[in-house]
Amino acid sequence: MDLVALKVIIEHRSEKLLLSSGIPSTVEQLHETVKETFGLIEDFTLHYLDEDFGDTKEQHELDRHQLIAESKKKDSTAIKDLMCRTFAHRRHDVISLQMSIEDIKDRWPVLFDVSQVSAEFQRITTLNLEPKFMSMLDFYSPKLLSMFQGKKGAVGERHRAKMSILLQSGIPIQRKREVIIRCLIDHLGEDASALIKDFEDAADAPVSVQEELAEEVMK
């Protein structure tokens, strides 16, 4: 049997796995081989499968329908695994078929859940979305603030009103980021109230805040 080489992505690095006996006959055998070879303790998922593992179009659709059904349940534990298993199918819809946003929302509603936006970003790039976004926001903050400061008209006035708080000393980085994000939303002509939700005394009711945020989806 021919030697088979697989690319295995582990955190932020990629490794080559050589299988001298070819592809194992089952997913479970491949799973165990990868786990033993790289000394993995925690569980993991396989993103790309071929027809040797029963990865057919029919199975893709069954998994997709199961994912939709699971999304209607409260606190479903199967969504994470199903999203990983259907990644290649979803990628085909987006890249190969170039489906519209409305069609993708109809076929993959879970993808527009707040938590799954971050999870999908990590599946594609192997990076965590929020830390990556914040680091780039901090990197471009000087240029963004300069752009907002130079904006003319009513929008510029709103920018400068928001940025006035940054003149104070000891402003925490979280507050600075909030100001820049609000200015950027306004700069792009979007409604900040539709994208940012403010909570009063959130510390007094952290559970209800988390529950409300969990119900948010991308529009």
C-alpha atoms as a PDB file:
ATOM      1  CA  MET A   1       0.000   0.000   0.000  1.00  0.00           C
ATOM      2  CA  ASP A   2       1.300   3.466  -0.910  1.00  0.00           C
ATOM      3  CA  LEU A   3       2.657   5.846   1.708  1.00  0.00           C
ATOM      4  CA  VAL A   4       0.165   8.579   2.618  1.00  0.00           C
ATOM      5  CA  ALA A   5       1.139  11.995   4.009  1.00  0.00           C
ATOM      6  CA  LEU A   6      -1.385  14.052   5.976  1.00  0.00           C
ATOM      7  CA  LYS A   7      -1.134  17.632   7.211  1.00  0.00           C
ATOM      8  CA  VAL A   8      -2.170  17.910  10.857  1.00  0.00           C
ATOM      9  CA  ILE A   9      -2.777  21.380  12.343  1.00  0.00           C
ATOM     10  CA  ILE A  10      -2.091  21.561  16.083  1.00  0.00           C
ATOM     11  CA  GLU A  11      -2.773  24.963  17.670  1.00  0.00           C
ATOM     12  CA  HIS A  12      -0.543  27.395  15.716  1.00  0.00           C
ATOM     13  CA  ARG A  13       1.715  24.886  13.975  1.00  0.00           C
ATOM     14  CA  SER A  14       1.320  22.218  11.312  1.00  0.00           C
ATOM     15  CA  GLU A  15       2.887  18.761  11.364  1.00  0.00           C
ATOM     16  CA  LYS A  16       3.273  16.041   8.748  1.00  0.00           C
ATOM     17  CA  LEU A  17       1.862  12.603   9.546  1.00  0.00           C
ATOM     18  CA  LEU A  18       3.194   9.741   7.408  1.00  0.00           C
ATOM     19  CA  LEU A  19       1.042   6.618   7.203  1.00  0.00           C
ATOM     20  CA  SER A  20       3.132   3.781   5.782  1.00  0.00           C
ATOM     21  CA  SER A  21       0.113   1.475   5.580  1.00  0.00           C
ATOM     22  CA  GLY A  22      -2.123   4.001   3.862  1.00  0.00           C
ATOM     23  CA  ILE A  23      -5.364   5.520   5.098  1.00  0.00           C
ATOM     24  CA  PRO A  24      -6.975   3.530   7.948  1.00  0.00           C
ATOM     25  CA  SER A  25     -10.270   1.871   7.144  1.00  0.00           C
ATOM     26  CA  THR A  26     -12.267   3.849   9.730  1.00  0.00           C
ATOM     27  CA  VAL A  27     -12.362   7.348  11.164  1.00  0.00           C
ATOM     28  CA  GLU A  28     -11.849   5.914  14.652  1.00  0.00           C
ATOM     29  CA  GLN A  29      -8.563   4.266  13.622  1.00  0.00           C
ATOM     30  CA  LEU A  30      -7.288   7.485  12.046  1.00  0.00           C
ATOM     31  CA  HIS A  31      -8.382   9.412  15.137  1.00  0.00           C
ATOM     32  CA  GLU A  32      -6.381   7.083  17.399  1.00  0.00           C
ATOM     33  CA  THR A  33      -3.337   7.185  15.098  1.00  0.00           C
ATOM     34  CA  VAL A  34      -3.234  10.988  15.145  1.00  0.00           C
ATOM     35  CA  LYS A  35      -3.801  11.048  18.901  1.00  0.00           C
ATOM     36  CA  GLU A  36      -0.990   8.579  19.640  1.00  0.00           C
ATOM     37  CA  THR A  37       1.487  10.048  17.141  1.00  0.00           C
ATOM     38  CA  PHE A  38       1.307  13.579  18.535  1.00  0.00           C
ATOM     39  CA  GLY A  39       0.605  12.686  22.154  1.00  0.00           C
ATOM     40  CA  LEU A  40      -2.734  14.485  22.219  1.00  0.00           C
ATOM     41  CA  ILE A  41      -4.649  14.218  25.481  1.00  0.00           C
ATOM     42  CA  GLU A  42      -7.700  16.345  24.815  1.00  0.00           C
ATOM     43  CA  ASP A  43     -10.271  15.328  22.236  1.00  0.00           C
ATOM     44  CA  PHE A  44     -10.181  16.829  18.750  1.00  0.00           C
ATOM     45  CA  THR A  45     -12.120  16.693  15.497  1.00  0.00           C
ATOM     46  CA  LEU A  46     -11.301  15.918  11.880  1.00  0.00           C
ATOM     47  CA  HIS A  47     -12.279  18.699   9.496  1.00  0.00           C
ATOM     48  CA  TYR A  48     -11.625  17.070   6.150  1.00  0.00           C
ATOM     49  CA  LEU A  49     -12.806  13.564   5.306  1.00  0.00           C
ATOM     50  CA  ASP A  50     -13.056  11.758   1.987  1.00  0.00           C
ATOM     51  CA  GLU A  51     -15.408   9.131   0.601  1.00  0.00           C
ATOM     52  CA  ASP A  52     -13.242   6.363   2.085  1.00  0.00           C
ATOM     53  CA  PHE A  53     -14.703   7.446   5.408  1.00  0.00           C
ATOM     54  CA  GLY A  54     -18.300   7.608   4.215  1.00  0.00           C
ATOM     55  CA  ASP A  55     -18.147  11.368   3.679  1.00  0.00           C
ATOM     56  CA  THR A  56     -20.852  11.608   1.009  1.00  0.00           C
ATOM     57  CA  LYS A  57     -23.153  14.397  -0.139  1.00  0.00           C
ATOM     58  CA  GLU A  58     -26.048  12.555   1.448  1.00  0.00           C
ATOM     59  CA  GLN A  59     -24.245  12.433   4.782  1.00  0.00           C
ATOM     60  CA  HIS A  60     -23.409  16.129   4.463  1.00  0.00           C
ATOM     61  CA  GLU A  61     -27.089  16.989   4.165  1.00  0.00           C
ATOM     62  CA  LEU A  62     -28.044  14.692   7.037  1.00  0.00           C
ATOM     63  CA  ASP A  63     -25.461  16.397   9.245  1.00  0.00           C
ATOM     64  CA  ARG A  64     -26.687  19.835   8.162  1.00  0.00           C
ATOM     65  CA  HIS A  65     -30.297  19.014   9.003  1.00  0.00           C
ATOM     66  CA  GLN A  66     -29.211  17.543  12.323  1.00  0.00           C
ATOM     67  CA  LEU A  67     -27.299  20.750  13.046  1.00  0.00           C
ATOM     68  CA  ILE A  68     -30.417  22.843  12.412  1.00  0.00           C
ATOM     69  CA  ALA A  69     -32.443  20.569  14.681  1.00  0.00           C
ATOM     70  CA  GLU A  70     -29.843  20.806  17.441  1.00  0.00           C
ATOM     71  CA  SER A  71     -29.776  24.602  17.175  1.00  0.00           C
ATOM     72  CA  LYS A  72     -33.432  24.689  18.231  1.00  0.00           C
ATOM     73  CA  LYS A  73     -32.635  22.892  21.468  1.00  0.00           C
ATOM     74  CA  LYS A  74     -31.535  24.774  24.564  1.00  0.00           C
ATOM     75  CA  ASP A  75     -27.934  24.176  25.638  1.00  0.00           C
ATOM     76  CA  SER A  76     -27.255  21.558  22.954  1.00  0.00           C
ATOM     77  CA  THR A  77     -23.862  19.891  23.379  1.00  0.00           C
ATOM     78  CA  ALA A  78     -23.773  18.492  19.837  1.00  0.00           C
ATOM     79  CA  ILE A  79     -23.479  21.783  17.933  1.00  0.00           C
ATOM     80  CA  LYS A  80     -19.708  22.173  18.284  1.00  0.00           C
ATOM     81  CA  ASP A  81     -18.982  18.715  16.868  1.00  0.00           C
ATOM     82  CA  LEU A  82     -21.545  19.095  14.078  1.00  0.00           C
ATOM     83  CA  MET A  83     -20.113  22.469  13.057  1.00  0.00           C
ATOM     84  CA  CYS A  84     -16.668  20.885  12.773  1.00  0.00           C
ATOM     85  CA  ARG A  85     -17.996  17.893  10.833  1.00  0.00           C
ATOM     86  CA  THR A  86     -19.866  20.110   8.356  1.00  0.00           C
ATOM     87  CA  PHE A  87     -17.029  22.602   7.827  1.00  0.00           C
ATOM     88  CA  ALA A  88     -16.055  21.284   4.378  1.00  0.00           C
ATOM     89  CA  HIS A  89     -19.703  21.232   3.271  1.00  0.00           C
ATOM     90  CA  ARG A  90     -20.173  24.807   4.453  1.00  0.00           C
ATOM     91  CA  ARG A  91     -16.967  25.896   2.734  1.00  0.00           C
ATOM     92  CA  HIS A  92     -18.260  24.373  -0.514  1.00  0.00           C
ATOM     93  CA  ASP A  93     -21.452  26.450  -0.236  1.00  0.00           C
ATOM     94  CA  VAL A  94     -19.528  29.664   0.413  1.00  0.00           C
ATOM     95  CA  ILE A  95     -16.474  29.282  -1.851  1.00  0.00           C
ATOM     96  CA  SER A  96     -17.490  26.964  -4.676  1.00  0.00           C
ATOM     97  CA  LEU A  97     -21.205  27.743  -5.004  1.00  0.00           C
ATOM     98  CA  GLN A  98     -20.806  31.389  -3.887  1.00  0.00           C
ATOM     99  CA  MET A  99     -24.210  31.392  -2.211  1.00  0.00           C
ATOM    100  CA  SER A 100     -25.805  34.656  -1.145  1.00  0.00           C
ATOM    101  CA  ILE A 101     -25.822  35.711   2.494  1.00  0.00           C
ATOM    102  CA  GLU A 102     -29.558  35.002   2.689  1.00  0.00           C
ATOM    103  CA  ASP A 103     -29.092  31.476   1.339  1.00  0.00           C
ATOM    104  CA  ILE A 104     -26.241  30.816   3.774  1.00  0.00           C
ATOM    105  CA  LYS A 105     -28.354  32.102   6.674  1.00  0.00           C
ATOM    106  CA  ASP A 106     -31.146  29.789   5.580  1.00  0.00           C
ATOM    107  CA  ARG A 107     -28.901  26.724   5.253  1.00  0.00           C
ATOM    108  CA  TRP A 108     -26.526  27.454   8.136  1.00  0.00           C
ATOM    109  CA  PRO A 109     -28.396  29.538  10.748  1.00  0.00           C
ATOM    110  CA  VAL A 110     -26.049  28.429  13.541  1.00  0.00           C
ATOM    111  CA  LEU A 111     -23.137  30.076  11.723  1.00  0.00           C
ATOM    112  CA  PHE A 112     -24.607  33.483  12.567  1.00  0.00           C
ATOM    113  CA  ASP A 113     -24.685  32.799  16.297  1.00  0.00           C
ATOM    114  CA  VAL A 114     -22.207  35.034  18.145  1.00  0.00           C
ATOM    115  CA  SER A 115     -20.208  32.135  19.574  1.00  0.00           C
ATOM    116  CA  GLN A 116     -20.048  30.350  16.224  1.00  0.00           C
ATOM    117  CA  VAL A 117     -18.725  33.430  14.413  1.00  0.00           C
ATOM    118  CA  SER A 118     -15.639  33.199  16.622  1.00  0.00           C
ATOM    119  CA  ALA A 119     -15.483  29.416  16.337  1.00  0.00           C
ATOM    120  CA  GLU A 120     -15.680  29.507  12.531  1.00  0.00           C
ATOM    121  CA  PHE A 121     -12.906  32.103  12.385  1.00  0.00           C
ATOM    122  CA  GLN A 122     -10.711  29.781  14.433  1.00  0.00           C
ATOM    123  CA  ARG A 123     -11.580  26.795  12.230  1.00  0.00           C
ATOM    124  CA  ILE A 124     -10.468  28.778   9.173  1.00  0.00           C
ATOM    125  CA  THR A 125      -7.400  30.567  10.542  1.00  0.00           C
ATOM    126  CA  THR A 126      -6.510  28.594  13.735  1.00  0.00           C
ATOM    127  CA  LEU A 127      -6.551  31.998  15.519  1.00  0.00           C
ATOM    128  CA  ASN A 128      -8.892  33.304  18.214  1.00  0.00           C
ATOM    129  CA  LEU A 129     -11.045  36.044  16.722  1.00  0.00           C
ATOM    130  CA  GLU A 130     -11.437  38.429  19.672  1.00  0.00           C
ATOM    131  CA  PRO A 131      -7.743  38.650  20.703  1.00  0.00           C
ATOM    132  CA  LYS A 132      -6.740  38.993  17.042  1.00  0.00           C
ATOM    133  CA  PHE A 133      -9.324  41.708  16.435  1.00  0.00           C
ATOM    134  CA  MET A 134      -8.326  43.629  19.566  1.00  0.00           C
ATOM    135  CA  SER A 135      -4.613  43.452  18.787  1.00  0.00           C
ATOM    136  CA  MET A 136      -5.186  44.839  15.282  1.00  0.00           C
ATOM    137  CA  LEU A 137      -7.555  47.483  16.652  1.00  0.00           C
ATOM    138  CA  ASP A 138      -4.836  48.628  19.061  1.00  0.00           C
ATOM    139  CA  PHE A 139      -2.276  48.603  16.233  1.00  0.00           C
ATOM    140  CA  TYR A 140      -4.385  50.852  13.989  1.00  0.00           C
ATOM    141  CA  SER A 141      -5.795  53.045  16.790  1.00  0.00           C
ATOM    142  CA  PRO A 142      -3.464  56.044  16.153  1.00  0.00           C
ATOM    143  CA  LYS A 143      -4.396  56.164  12.457  1.00  0.00           C
ATOM    144  CA  LEU A 144      -8.097  55.690  13.194  1.00  0.00           C
ATOM    145  CA  LEU A 145      -8.131  58.455  15.799  1.00  0.00           C
ATOM    146  CA  SER A 146      -6.332  60.781  13.383  1.00  0.00           C
ATOM    147  CA  MET A 147      -8.895  59.994  10.686  1.00  0.00           C
ATOM    148  CA  PHE A 148     -11.814  60.605  13.052  1.00  0.00           C
ATOM    149  CA  GLN A 149     -10.277  63.870  14.270  1.00  0.00           C
ATOM    150  CA  GLY A 150      -9.966  65.158  10.713  1.00  0.00           C
ATOM    151  CA  LYS A 151     -13.513  64.269   9.687  1.00  0.00           C
ATOM    152  CA  LYS A 152     -15.613  67.283   8.680  1.00  0.00           C
ATOM    153  CA  GLY A 153     -19.293  68.038   9.146  1.00  0.00           C
ATOM    154  CA  ALA A 154     -21.811  66.548  11.554  1.00  0.00           C
ATOM    155  CA  VAL A 155     -20.086  63.161  11.591  1.00  0.00           C
ATOM    156  CA  GLY A 156     -16.804  64.786  12.575  1.00  0.00           C
ATOM    157  CA  GLU A 157     -18.529  66.646  15.399  1.00  0.00           C
ATOM    158  CA  ARG A 158     -19.953  63.379  16.704  1.00  0.00           C
ATOM    159  CA  HIS A 159     -16.517  61.768  16.477  1.00  0.00           C
ATOM    160  CA  ARG A 160     -14.858  64.531  18.466  1.00  0.00           C
ATOM    161  CA  ALA A 161     -17.613  64.454  21.091  1.00  0.00           C
ATOM    162  CA  LYS A 162     -17.040  60.730  21.608  1.00  0.00           C
ATOM    163  CA  MET A 163     -13.252  61.124  21.637  1.00  0.00           C
ATOM    164  CA  SER A 164     -13.272  63.932  24.220  1.00  0.00           C
ATOM    165  CA  ILE A 165     -13.223  61.354  27.020  1.00  0.00           C
ATOM    166  CA  LEU A 166      -9.814  60.176  25.784  1.00  0.00           C
ATOM    167  CA  LEU A 167      -8.323  63.495  26.889  1.00  0.00           C
ATOM    168  CA  GLN A 168      -8.701  62.366  30.496  1.00  0.00           C
ATOM    169  CA  SER A 169      -5.810  60.594  32.186  1.00  0.00           C
ATOM    170  CA  GLY A 170      -5.949  56.976  33.233  1.00  0.00           C
ATOM    171  CA  ILE A 171      -8.498  55.880  30.643  1.00  0.00           C
ATOM    172  CA  PRO A 172      -8.513  52.048  30.574  1.00  0.00           C
ATOM    173  CA  ILE A 173      -7.751  50.325  27.283  1.00  0.00           C
ATOM    174  CA  GLN A 174     -11.254  48.814  27.199  1.00  0.00           C
ATOM    175  CA  ARG A 175     -12.833  52.282  27.257  1.00  0.00           C
ATOM    176  CA  LYS A 176     -10.490  53.523  24.533  1.00  0.00           C
ATOM    177  CA  ARG A 177     -11.393  50.549  22.357  1.00  0.00           C
ATOM    178  CA  GLU A 178     -15.090  51.203  22.894  1.00  0.00           C
ATOM    179  CA  VAL A 179     -14.739  54.831  21.792  1.00  0.00           C
ATOM    180  CA  ILE A 180     -12.816  53.855  18.654  1.00  0.00           C
ATOM    181  CA  ILE A 181     -15.314  51.130  17.741  1.00  0.00           C
ATOM    182  CA  ARG A 182     -18.281  53.483  18.217  1.00  0.00           C
ATOM    183  CA  CYS A 183     -16.589  56.145  16.079  1.00  0.00           C
ATOM    184  CA  LEU A 184     -15.736  53.583  13.405  1.00  0.00           C
ATOM    185  CA  ILE A 185     -19.336  52.364  13.253  1.00  0.00           C
ATOM    186  CA  ASP A 186     -20.556  55.950  12.855  1.00  0.00           C
ATOM    187  CA  HIS A 187     -17.811  56.680  10.310  1.00  0.00           C
ATOM    188  CA  LEU A 188     -19.039  53.781   8.164  1.00  0.00           C
ATOM    189  CA  GLY A 189     -22.601  55.081   8.264  1.00  0.00           C
ATOM    190  CA  GLU A 190     -23.960  52.304  10.465  1.00  0.00           C
ATOM    191  CA  ASP A 191     -26.275  52.592  13.456  1.00  0.00           C
ATOM    192  CA  ALA A 192     -24.299  51.876  16.624  1.00  0.00           C
ATOM    193  CA  SER A 193     -27.472  51.064  18.569  1.00  0.00           C
ATOM    194  CA  ALA A 194     -28.104  48.143  16.212  1.00  0.00           C
ATOM    195  CA  LEU A 195     -24.606  46.756  16.776  1.00  0.00           C
ATOM    196  CA  ILE A 196     -23.835  47.603  20.414  1.00  0.00           C
ATOM    197  CA  LYS A 197     -26.105  46.800  23.341  1.00  0.00           C
ATOM    198  CA  ASP A 198     -25.675  48.764  26.562  1.00  0.00           C
ATOM    199  CA  PHE A 199     -26.508  47.249  29.943  1.00  0.00           C
ATOM    200  CA  GLU A 200     -27.129  49.211  33.130  1.00  0.00           C
ATOM    201  CA  ASP A 201     -25.728  47.677  36.317  1.00  0.00           C
ATOM    202  CA  ALA A 202     -24.659  44.550  34.429  1.00  0.00           C
ATOM    203  CA  ALA A 203     -22.566  43.440  37.406  1.00  0.00           C
ATOM    204  CA  ASP A 204     -25.747  43.023  39.443  1.00  0.00           C
ATOM    205  CA  ALA A 205     -27.231  40.519  37.002  1.00  0.00           C
ATOM    206  CA  PRO A 206     -24.380  38.814  35.090  1.00  0.00           C
ATOM    207  CA  VAL A 207     -26.422  35.687  34.357  1.00  0.00           C
ATOM    208  CA  SER A 208     -29.284  37.530  32.648  1.00  0.00           C
ATOM    209  CA  VAL A 209     -26.789  39.558  30.613  1.00  0.00           C
ATOM    210  CA  GLN A 210     -25.045  36.408  29.406  1.00  0.00           C
ATOM    211  CA  GLU A 211     -28.373  34.802  28.538  1.00  0.00           C
ATOM    212  CA  GLU A 212     -29.423  37.824  26.499  1.00  0.00           C
ATOM    213  CA  LEU A 213     -26.097  38.000  24.696  1.00  0.00           C
ATOM    214  CA  ALA A 214     -26.307  34.281  23.894  1.00  0.00           C
ATOM    215  CA  GLU A 215     -29.472  34.967  21.907  1.00  0.00           C
ATOM    216  CA  GLU A 216     -27.813  37.565  19.690  1.00  0.00           C
ATOM    217  CA  VAL A 217     -27.141  36.642  16.071  1.00  0.00           C
ATOM    218  CA  MET A 218     -25.501  38.438  13.168  1.00  0.00           C
ATOM    219  CA  LYS A 219     -28.018  40.166  10.912  1.00  0.00           C
END
